[in-house]
């Protein structure tokens, strides 16, 4: 099972929500490729906005 959850209500998403969502998905994908199967998600400004987990 794979879960991914993050909030899009802060300033990082204001001017380009689709760009930031794509950036986050790519980052999570790279982490999983590197063997990291769970962790926190941070926006471009460094704010913790969610989490992911692969089981």
N, C-alpha and C. Protein backbone atom coordinates (compact mmCIF):
# COMPACT_ATOMS: atom_id res chain seq x y z
N UNK A 1 0.85 -1.17 0.00
CA UNK A 1 0.00 0.00 0.00
C UNK A 1 0.90 1.24 0.00
N UNK A 2 0.44 2.25 -0.68
CA UNK A 2 1.16 3.53 -0.72
C UNK A 2 0.19 4.62 -0.32
N UNK A 3 0.61 5.46 0.64
CA UNK A 3 -0.20 6.60 1.04
C UNK A 3 0.64 7.87 0.90
N UNK A 4 -0.03 8.91 0.45
CA UNK A 4 0.59 10.21 0.27
C UNK A 4 -0.45 11.25 0.61
N UNK A 5 -0.07 12.16 1.46
CA UNK A 5 -1.03 13.18 1.88
C UNK A 5 -0.27 14.46 2.16
N UNK A 6 -0.77 15.56 1.57
CA UNK A 6 -0.18 16.86 1.88
C UNK A 6 -1.20 17.97 1.62
N UNK A 7 -1.02 19.06 2.33
CA UNK A 7 -1.93 20.20 2.25
C UNK A 7 -1.40 21.23 1.27
N UNK A 8 -2.31 21.85 0.54
CA UNK A 8 -1.91 22.81 -0.49
C UNK A 8 -2.43 24.22 -0.21
N UNK A 9 -2.67 24.53 1.04
CA UNK A 9 -3.28 25.81 1.36
C UNK A 9 -2.34 26.94 1.74
N UNK A 10 -1.03 26.72 1.61
CA UNK A 10 -0.12 27.78 2.05
C UNK A 10 0.49 28.53 0.86
N UNK A 11 1.38 29.46 1.14
CA UNK A 11 1.93 30.37 0.14
C UNK A 11 2.68 29.67 -0.99
N UNK A 12 3.27 28.52 -0.74
CA UNK A 12 4.04 27.82 -1.76
C UNK A 12 3.17 27.41 -2.95
N UNK A 13 1.89 27.29 -2.74
CA UNK A 13 0.97 26.86 -3.79
C UNK A 13 0.19 28.01 -4.42
N UNK A 14 0.36 29.20 -3.90
CA UNK A 14 -0.46 30.33 -4.33
C UNK A 14 -0.29 30.68 -5.81
N UNK A 15 0.93 30.77 -6.28
CA UNK A 15 1.17 31.23 -7.65
C UNK A 15 1.35 30.11 -8.66
N UNK A 16 1.50 28.90 -8.20
CA UNK A 16 1.71 27.80 -9.14
C UNK A 16 1.44 26.46 -8.51
N UNK A 17 0.19 26.21 -8.18
CA UNK A 17 -0.15 24.98 -7.47
C UNK A 17 0.31 23.74 -8.23
N UNK A 18 0.09 23.70 -9.54
CA UNK A 18 0.46 22.50 -10.29
C UNK A 18 1.98 22.31 -10.30
N UNK A 19 2.74 23.40 -10.38
CA UNK A 19 4.20 23.29 -10.34
C UNK A 19 4.66 22.69 -9.02
N UNK A 20 4.14 23.17 -7.92
CA UNK A 20 4.57 22.69 -6.60
C UNK A 20 4.13 21.25 -6.37
N UNK A 21 2.94 20.89 -6.82
CA UNK A 21 2.48 19.50 -6.68
C UNK A 21 3.41 18.58 -7.47
N UNK A 22 3.75 18.95 -8.70
CA UNK A 22 4.66 18.15 -9.52
C UNK A 22 6.03 18.03 -8.87
N UNK A 23 6.53 19.13 -8.31
CA UNK A 23 7.83 19.11 -7.65
C UNK A 23 7.83 18.13 -6.49
N UNK A 24 6.77 18.15 -5.69
CA UNK A 24 6.66 17.27 -4.54
C UNK A 24 6.57 15.81 -4.98
N UNK A 25 5.76 15.52 -5.99
CA UNK A 25 5.63 14.15 -6.47
C UNK A 25 6.96 13.62 -6.99
N UNK A 26 7.72 14.44 -7.69
CA UNK A 26 9.03 14.03 -8.18
C UNK A 26 9.98 13.76 -7.02
N UNK A 27 9.93 14.62 -6.01
CA UNK A 27 10.80 14.44 -4.84
C UNK A 27 10.49 13.14 -4.12
N UNK A 28 9.21 12.86 -3.92
CA UNK A 28 8.80 11.61 -3.25
C UNK A 28 9.23 10.42 -4.10
N UNK A 29 9.07 10.49 -5.39
CA UNK A 29 9.48 9.42 -6.28
C UNK A 29 10.98 9.15 -6.17
N UNK A 30 11.79 10.20 -6.14
CA UNK A 30 13.24 10.04 -5.99
C UNK A 30 13.59 9.37 -4.66
N UNK A 31 12.89 9.76 -3.61
CA UNK A 31 13.16 9.16 -2.30
C UNK A 31 12.85 7.67 -2.33
N UNK A 32 11.73 7.29 -2.92
CA UNK A 32 11.38 5.87 -2.99
C UNK A 32 12.41 5.12 -3.83
N UNK A 33 12.85 5.70 -4.93
CA UNK A 33 13.91 5.10 -5.75
C UNK A 33 15.18 4.88 -4.93
N UNK A 34 15.45 5.76 -3.98
CA UNK A 34 16.63 5.66 -3.13
C UNK A 34 16.42 4.74 -1.93
N UNK A 35 15.24 4.13 -1.82
CA UNK A 35 14.97 3.19 -0.74
C UNK A 35 14.33 3.79 0.49
N UNK A 36 13.99 5.05 0.44
CA UNK A 36 13.31 5.71 1.56
C UNK A 36 11.82 5.48 1.37
N UNK A 37 11.21 4.69 2.26
CA UNK A 37 9.82 4.28 2.04
C UNK A 37 8.80 5.06 2.87
N UNK A 38 9.27 5.95 3.71
CA UNK A 38 8.33 6.82 4.42
C UNK A 38 9.05 8.08 4.86
N UNK A 39 8.26 9.15 5.01
CA UNK A 39 8.87 10.38 5.45
C UNK A 39 7.93 11.55 5.38
N UNK A 40 8.43 12.68 5.79
CA UNK A 40 7.68 13.92 5.76
C UNK A 40 7.82 14.59 4.41
N UNK A 41 6.84 15.43 4.08
CA UNK A 41 6.86 16.20 2.85
C UNK A 41 6.94 17.67 3.22
N UNK A 42 7.85 18.37 2.54
CA UNK A 42 8.06 19.79 2.80
C UNK A 42 7.80 20.58 1.52
N UNK A 43 7.20 21.75 1.66
CA UNK A 43 7.00 22.60 0.49
C UNK A 43 8.31 23.31 0.12
N UNK A 44 8.29 24.07 -0.95
CA UNK A 44 9.48 24.75 -1.44
C UNK A 44 10.03 25.76 -0.43
N UNK A 45 9.19 26.21 0.50
CA UNK A 45 9.61 27.15 1.54
C UNK A 45 10.12 26.47 2.80
N UNK A 46 10.12 25.14 2.81
CA UNK A 46 10.64 24.40 3.96
C UNK A 46 9.61 24.06 5.02
N UNK A 47 8.34 24.33 4.74
CA UNK A 47 7.28 24.02 5.71
C UNK A 47 6.85 22.57 5.58
N UNK A 48 6.70 21.88 6.70
CA UNK A 48 6.20 20.51 6.68
C UNK A 48 4.72 20.55 6.34
N UNK A 49 4.34 19.86 5.26
CA UNK A 49 2.95 19.92 4.81
C UNK A 49 2.28 18.56 4.69
N UNK A 50 3.02 17.48 4.90
CA UNK A 50 2.39 16.17 4.77
C UNK A 50 3.36 15.03 4.99
N UNK A 51 2.96 13.84 4.49
CA UNK A 51 3.76 12.63 4.70
C UNK A 51 3.47 11.62 3.60
N UNK A 52 4.36 10.65 3.46
CA UNK A 52 4.15 9.54 2.54
C UNK A 52 4.65 8.26 3.20
N UNK A 53 4.11 7.12 2.73
CA UNK A 53 4.53 5.83 3.28
C UNK A 53 4.22 4.73 2.28
N UNK A 54 5.20 3.87 2.04
CA UNK A 54 5.06 2.70 1.19
C UNK A 54 5.24 1.47 2.08
N UNK A 55 4.25 0.59 2.08
CA UNK A 55 4.35 -0.62 2.92
C UNK A 55 4.21 -1.86 2.08
